[in-house]
Protein backbone atom coordinates (compact mmCIF):
# COMPACT_ATOMS: atom_id res chain seq x y z
CA MET A 1 96.41 84.07 76.30
CA SER A 2 97.03 80.16 76.34
CA GLU A 3 93.95 77.76 76.37
CA GLN A 4 94.75 77.22 80.27
CA LYS A 5 92.37 78.63 82.83
CA PRO A 6 93.67 82.20 83.23
CA ARG A 7 96.19 82.95 85.70
CA ILE A 8 94.88 85.85 88.31
CA GLY A 9 96.80 87.56 90.99
CA LEU A 10 94.73 88.15 94.27
CA THR A 11 96.23 91.04 96.02
CA LEU A 12 95.93 90.80 99.81
CA GLY A 13 94.59 94.34 100.61
CA ASP A 14 94.90 96.03 104.01
CA PRO A 15 96.39 93.01 106.18
CA ALA A 16 94.54 94.64 109.17
CA GLY A 17 91.10 94.16 107.47
CA VAL A 18 89.29 91.10 106.01
CA GLY A 19 91.46 90.74 102.84
CA PRO A 20 93.69 87.92 104.20
CA GLU A 21 90.74 85.89 105.52
CA ILE A 22 88.45 86.23 102.61
CA ILE A 23 90.97 84.89 100.21
CA VAL A 24 92.09 81.94 102.57
CA GLY A 25 88.22 81.60 103.31
CA ALA A 26 87.49 81.36 99.44
CA TRP A 27 90.27 79.01 98.65
CA SER A 28 88.80 75.65 99.39
CA ARG A 29 85.70 76.58 97.35
CA PRO A 30 85.72 74.67 94.12
CA GLU A 31 84.57 77.68 92.35
CA MET A 32 87.84 79.37 93.01
CA HIS A 33 89.82 76.77 91.10
CA GLN A 34 87.14 76.05 88.33
CA GLU A 35 87.45 79.60 87.22
CA CYS A 36 91.20 80.38 87.34
CA ARG A 37 94.95 79.43 88.48
CA PRO A 38 95.00 81.57 91.60
CA VAL A 39 98.11 83.18 92.95
CA VAL A 40 98.27 85.55 95.99
CA ILE A 41 100.21 88.84 96.08
CA GLY A 42 101.32 89.86 99.80
CA HIS A 43 102.84 88.75 102.92
CA PRO A 44 102.76 85.09 103.66
CA THR A 45 102.39 85.23 107.38
CA MET A 46 99.25 86.99 107.19
CA LEU A 47 97.97 84.14 104.94
CA ARG A 48 99.28 81.58 107.54
CA ARG A 49 97.48 83.45 110.23
CA ALA A 50 94.13 83.42 108.23
CA ALA A 51 94.60 79.91 107.56
CA ASP A 52 94.69 79.17 111.29
CA LEU A 53 91.97 81.40 111.73
CA TRP A 54 89.73 79.37 109.44
CA LYS A 55 91.23 75.96 110.51
CA ILE A 56 92.65 75.20 106.96
CA GLU A 57 95.39 72.99 106.42
CA ALA A 58 96.21 74.36 103.20
CA GLU A 59 100.20 75.04 102.57
CA ILE A 60 101.28 78.66 102.32
CA VAL A 61 104.17 78.35 99.50
CA ALA A 62 106.20 81.18 98.94
CA ILE A 63 107.23 81.70 95.40
CA ASP A 64 109.14 84.23 93.33
CA ALA A 65 107.39 84.31 90.04
CA PRO A 66 103.73 83.78 89.11
CA GLU A 67 104.78 81.03 86.50
CA ARG A 68 105.94 78.88 89.51
CA ALA A 69 102.51 78.89 91.01
CA GLU A 70 100.81 75.46 91.41
CA PRO A 71 97.60 76.33 93.15
CA SER A 72 95.35 73.71 94.54
CA GLU A 73 92.88 73.54 97.33
CA ASP A 74 95.75 72.24 99.29
CA CYS A 75 98.40 74.66 98.28
CA ILE A 76 98.35 78.51 98.27
CA PRO A 77 101.29 79.84 96.33
CA CYS A 78 102.02 83.44 97.56
CA LEU A 79 104.40 86.12 95.93
CA ALA A 80 105.81 87.45 98.86
CA CYS A 81 105.80 91.48 99.15
CA GLY A 82 105.44 94.02 101.75
CA PRO A 83 107.03 95.19 104.67
CA ASP A 84 108.08 92.71 107.48
CA ASP A 85 106.62 94.75 110.25
CA VAL A 86 103.22 94.51 108.93
CA VAL A 87 102.76 91.45 111.02
CA ASP A 88 103.03 93.65 114.21
CA VAL A 89 99.75 95.56 113.08
CA ALA A 90 96.75 94.92 115.39
CA PRO A 91 93.73 93.63 113.60
CA GLY A 92 91.17 96.45 112.64
CA THR A 93 93.39 99.21 113.22
CA ILE A 94 94.44 102.15 110.61
CA ASP A 95 97.95 101.86 110.31
CA ALA A 96 100.77 103.34 107.81
CA ARG A 97 102.38 99.77 107.78
CA SER A 98 99.14 98.04 106.52
CA GLY A 99 98.71 100.81 103.97
CA GLN A 100 102.12 100.37 102.63
CA ALA A 101 101.74 96.49 102.50
CA ALA A 102 98.64 97.02 100.47
CA TYR A 103 100.05 99.47 98.22
CA GLU A 104 103.03 97.23 97.48
CA ALA A 105 100.79 94.03 96.52
CA VAL A 106 98.68 96.24 94.28
CA VAL A 107 101.67 97.62 92.43
CA ALA A 108 103.36 94.41 92.11
CA GLY A 109 100.12 92.66 90.79
CA ALA A 110 99.57 95.60 88.32
CA ARG A 111 102.99 95.53 87.05
CA LEU A 112 102.78 91.80 86.38
CA ALA A 113 99.55 92.06 84.67
CA LEU A 114 100.95 94.69 82.39
CA ALA A 115 103.97 92.45 81.66
CA GLY A 116 101.29 89.66 80.47
CA ARG A 117 102.58 87.26 83.48
CA LEU A 118 99.05 87.54 84.96
CA ASP A 119 95.63 87.59 83.12
CA ALA A 120 94.04 89.68 85.48
CA ILE A 121 94.06 90.88 89.06
CA THR A 122 91.53 90.66 91.74
CA THR A 123 92.02 93.01 94.82
CA ALA A 124 91.11 92.44 98.37
CA PRO A 125 90.14 95.89 100.01
CA LEU A 126 92.71 98.42 101.19
CA HIS A 127 91.95 101.30 103.83
CA LYS A 128 92.16 104.74 102.06
CA GLU A 129 93.25 106.43 105.35
CA ALA A 130 96.05 103.90 105.83
CA LEU A 131 97.22 104.40 102.21
CA ASN A 132 97.50 107.95 102.88
CA LEU A 133 99.31 107.63 105.83
CA ALA A 134 101.89 105.45 104.12
CA GLY A 135 102.40 108.40 101.84
CA HIS A 136 100.48 107.36 98.95
CA PRO A 137 97.71 109.80 98.36
CA TYR A 138 95.21 108.10 96.22
CA PRO A 139 91.56 107.87 96.84
CA GLY A 140 91.67 104.25 96.31
CA HIS A 141 92.63 101.56 93.83
CA THR A 142 91.02 102.90 90.88
CA GLU A 143 93.00 106.35 90.84
CA LEU A 144 96.14 104.37 91.91
CA LEU A 145 96.01 101.71 88.98
CA ALA A 146 94.79 104.17 86.40
CA GLU A 147 98.20 106.41 87.11
CA MET A 148 100.13 103.17 86.69
CA CYS A 149 98.54 102.17 83.54
CA GLY A 150 98.86 105.66 82.17
CA VAL A 151 95.25 106.37 81.22
CA GLY A 152 92.78 109.22 81.82
CA ASP A 153 89.71 107.71 80.43
CA TYR A 154 88.58 105.36 83.13
CA ALA A 155 85.58 104.65 85.52
CA MET A 156 84.57 102.40 88.50
CA MET A 157 81.92 100.03 87.79
CA LEU A 158 79.69 97.96 89.93
CA TYR A 159 78.52 94.72 88.53
CA LEU A 160 75.87 92.35 89.40
CA ALA A 161 75.37 88.96 87.59
CA PRO A 162 71.85 87.73 86.79
CA GLY A 163 70.05 86.07 89.54
CA GLU A 164 66.90 86.67 91.88
CA GLN A 165 67.33 90.13 92.39
CA VAL A 166 68.66 91.33 88.68
CA ARG A 167 66.30 89.68 86.08
CA GLY A 168 68.30 90.92 83.07
CA ARG A 169 69.72 88.17 80.79
CA ASP A 170 73.56 89.61 81.19
CA GLY A 171 73.21 91.03 84.80
CA LEU A 172 73.38 94.78 85.36
CA ALA A 173 76.33 97.24 85.51
CA ALA A 174 76.47 100.80 87.12
CA VAL A 175 79.46 103.21 85.95
CA HIS A 176 79.92 106.29 87.84
CA VAL A 177 80.75 109.77 86.19
CA THR A 178 82.32 111.13 89.24
CA LEU A 179 83.68 108.98 91.99
CA HIS A 180 85.81 109.46 95.04
CA THR A 181 85.01 112.95 95.78
CA ALA A 182 82.94 115.12 98.25
CA LEU A 183 79.28 115.50 97.26
CA GLU A 184 80.17 119.37 97.46
CA ASN A 185 82.36 118.88 94.33
CA VAL A 186 79.96 116.62 92.11
CA PHE A 187 78.43 119.75 90.46
CA ALA A 188 81.67 121.31 89.30
CA GLU A 189 83.28 117.89 88.05
CA LEU A 190 80.23 116.95 86.21
CA SER A 191 80.58 117.46 82.29
CA GLU A 192 79.07 116.35 79.19
CA GLU A 193 82.41 114.65 77.97
CA GLY A 194 82.51 112.85 81.49
CA VAL A 195 78.86 111.65 80.96
CA LEU A 196 79.74 110.41 77.55
CA ALA A 197 83.10 108.96 78.33
CA LYS A 198 81.30 106.92 81.16
CA ALA A 199 78.52 105.79 78.93
CA ARG A 200 81.15 104.50 76.15
CA LEU A 201 83.07 102.61 78.81
CA ALA A 202 79.91 100.78 80.06
CA ASP A 203 79.08 100.06 76.31
CA ARG A 204 82.26 98.33 75.86
CA PHE A 205 82.33 96.30 78.83
CA MET A 206 78.77 94.98 78.54
CA THR A 207 79.37 94.33 74.84
CA LYS A 208 82.58 92.26 75.73
CA LEU A 209 80.80 90.71 78.48
CA SER A 210 77.50 89.44 76.42
CA GLY A 211 78.35 90.00 72.78
CA ARG A 212 75.74 92.54 72.27
CA ARG A 213 75.40 96.13 72.64
CA PRO A 214 73.86 97.02 75.99
CA ARG A 215 70.77 99.23 76.89
CA ILE A 216 72.09 101.92 78.95
CA GLY A 217 69.94 104.11 81.10
CA VAL A 218 71.40 107.41 82.15
CA CYS A 219 70.61 108.84 85.71
CA ALA A 220 69.39 112.65 86.20
CA LEU A 221 71.51 114.14 88.79
CA ASN A 222 68.55 116.11 90.62
CA PRO A 223 65.40 114.92 92.20
CA HIS A 224 62.55 114.20 89.51
CA GLY A 225 65.07 114.49 86.64
CA GLY A 226 65.25 118.33 87.52
CA GLU A 227 61.67 118.86 86.96
CA GLY A 228 62.33 120.86 83.61
CA GLY A 229 64.82 122.99 85.43
CA LEU A 230 63.13 123.69 88.47
CA PHE A 231 65.26 121.69 90.72
CA GLY A 232 68.45 122.13 88.63
CA ARG A 233 70.08 122.94 85.45
CA GLN A 234 72.45 119.85 84.84
CA GLU A 235 69.91 117.59 83.10
CA ARG A 236 69.40 120.07 80.20
CA ALA A 237 72.73 121.61 79.99
CA ILE A 238 74.92 118.57 80.63
CA ILE A 239 73.34 115.01 80.72
CA ALA A 240 70.76 115.30 77.78
CA PRO A 241 73.32 116.68 75.49
CA ALA A 242 75.71 113.99 76.50
CA VAL A 243 73.08 111.34 75.68
CA GLU A 244 72.11 112.86 72.12
CA ARG A 245 75.74 112.73 71.35
CA GLY A 246 76.01 108.87 72.44
CA ARG A 247 72.90 108.01 70.37
CA ALA A 248 74.45 109.59 67.49
CA GLU A 249 77.50 107.47 67.80
CA GLY A 250 75.27 104.40 68.08
CA LEU A 251 74.94 103.86 71.83
CA GLN A 252 71.63 102.57 73.02
CA LEU A 253 70.95 105.52 75.48
CA GLU A 254 67.98 106.69 77.26
CA GLY A 255 67.90 109.49 79.62
CA PRO A 256 68.28 111.48 81.77
CA LEU A 257 65.86 109.48 83.80
CA PRO A 258 65.19 109.92 87.68
CA ALA A 259 67.50 107.78 89.43
CA ASP A 260 64.87 106.07 91.86
CA THR A 261 62.66 104.76 89.00
CA LEU A 262 65.50 103.82 86.72
CA MET A 263 67.06 101.69 89.09
CA ILE A 264 63.93 99.75 89.29
CA ARG A 265 63.61 99.42 85.86
CA ALA A 266 67.12 98.58 85.30
CA ARG A 267 66.63 95.70 88.20
CA ASP A 268 63.77 94.29 86.19
CA GLY A 269 65.90 93.88 83.00
CA GLU A 270 64.56 96.96 80.93
CA PHE A 271 68.51 98.08 81.09
CA ASP A 272 71.84 96.38 81.00
CA ALA A 273 73.77 99.23 82.51
CA VAL A 274 73.26 102.49 84.22
CA VAL A 275 75.39 105.66 84.26
CA ALA A 276 75.25 106.99 87.72
CA MET A 277 76.35 110.62 88.24
CA TYR A 278 78.10 110.02 91.76
CA HIS A 279 79.33 107.37 93.84
CA ASP A 280 76.25 106.73 96.09
CA GLN A 281 73.76 107.00 93.34
CA GLY A 282 74.86 103.80 91.82
CA HIS A 283 76.40 102.03 94.85
CA ILE A 284 73.47 102.05 97.18
CA ALA A 285 71.01 100.61 94.65
CA LEU A 286 73.24 97.73 93.37
CA LYS A 287 74.30 97.03 97.05
CA LEU A 288 70.65 96.74 98.09
CA MET A 289 70.14 94.15 95.17
CA GLY A 290 73.08 92.07 96.10
CA MET A 291 75.64 93.51 98.39
CA HIS A 292 77.60 90.09 98.52
CA ARG A 293 77.32 89.27 94.85
CA ALA A 294 78.40 92.71 93.57
CA VAL A 295 81.90 93.03 91.81
CA ASN A 296 83.79 96.13 91.26
CA VAL A 297 85.51 96.45 87.99
CA THR A 298 87.89 99.06 86.70
CA LEU A 299 87.03 100.10 83.30
CA GLY A 300 89.44 101.77 80.78
CA LEU A 301 92.69 99.89 82.00
CA PRO A 302 95.03 97.93 79.54
CA ILE A 303 94.66 95.03 82.47
CA ILE A 304 91.64 93.45 83.97
CA ARG A 305 90.98 94.22 87.46
CA THR A 306 88.13 93.33 89.55
CA SER A 307 87.47 93.65 93.32
CA VAL A 308 84.92 93.00 96.09
CA ALA A 309 82.20 95.62 96.39
CA HIS A 310 82.90 96.06 100.20
CA GLY A 311 85.76 97.70 102.34
CA THR A 312 88.12 96.46 104.83
CA ALA A 313 85.37 95.72 107.49
CA PHE A 314 87.63 96.35 110.36
CA ASP A 315 84.68 95.73 112.91
CA LEU A 316 84.31 91.99 111.30
CA ALA A 317 88.17 91.56 110.47
CA TRP A 318 89.93 88.44 112.06
CA GLN A 319 87.12 86.82 113.66
CA GLY A 320 86.09 84.29 111.23
CA ARG A 321 82.78 85.99 110.19
CA ALA A 322 84.11 87.44 106.81
CA GLU A 323 81.77 87.02 103.90
CA VAL A 324 83.61 85.31 100.75
CA THR A 325 80.96 85.58 98.06
CA SER A 326 82.02 88.91 96.64
CA LEU A 327 85.37 87.65 96.07
CA ILE A 328 84.30 84.58 94.40
CA GLU A 329 82.09 86.59 92.20
CA ALA A 330 85.16 88.99 91.46
CA ILE A 331 87.37 86.09 90.50
CA ARG A 332 84.49 84.66 88.19
CA VAL A 333 83.91 87.99 86.50
CA ALA A 334 87.96 88.30 86.02
CA GLY A 335 88.08 84.98 84.48
CA ARG A 336 85.44 85.41 82.03
CA LEU A 337 86.77 88.78 80.94
CA ALA A 338 90.41 87.10 80.52
CA ARG A 339 88.84 84.07 78.60
CA SER A 340 87.12 86.65 76.09
CA SER A 341 90.15 88.85 75.58
């Protein structure tokens, strides 16, 4: 990568949600341009509407290549893509046209990143039901990008930079062994190899981010860590063997530990990363610590992808009330990762 600030593609997400307005709302913030050279990927009309909503006078400039982008606080370059009929979708509604627009923006951004024409992508939220209505049966960004990149060893991670609620020197990451699946499926999908694979990914990410090997706490699945098998066998049969194998490889793992107390210890700086067994086990704790500062990172891809840690927020969309902090944090983390590549 050149010595210039990294070029980051911001995909518009579902246009019926908060994606367009958080991008435009963050655009005038100096942090946006200190970290990167941003370029938006999506339908320009939706950006113009968001600029009107925020009463921002920045010019929306349609471009045909990211190399032509000349972003500034007064100029928002946009790589136009997506169906034109998306402009007819009502705010806050689930619609196949919005799902298609979100899909095309993500695909365009990922292809440009794979070709080395973007240094990273940061994605605004899409709506999973709208995505499926458009004929794309993915549970979310993570699985779509993994398929595009041809990888099977990947994970979704939430990351919080150090701050008042996270006292560790390098922040706190939570990576999930199972992800977008029903709770009733978690027991069948949990495996020793899966736990170890996610621990390795967490180790690589935090090492890259901080320059040192992280201390990783591994969650138990069952209450009280299974109570020696009284409350479940997964700790003894699956999680503990994975932890032992990871230690043998040099990973700094501890566990399985009861999730409720582990998250408190991690918050206080005892661990740099946590391996959670399922989606809400990691998400709830980190979002309570810093909902608007949390960043979603996809691990295991050959490209850098970060995202906000919230959804399309249809109940707030297109009212000028959307919170932009998570997007700015996601851009900051993407820039940091791109500079360390």
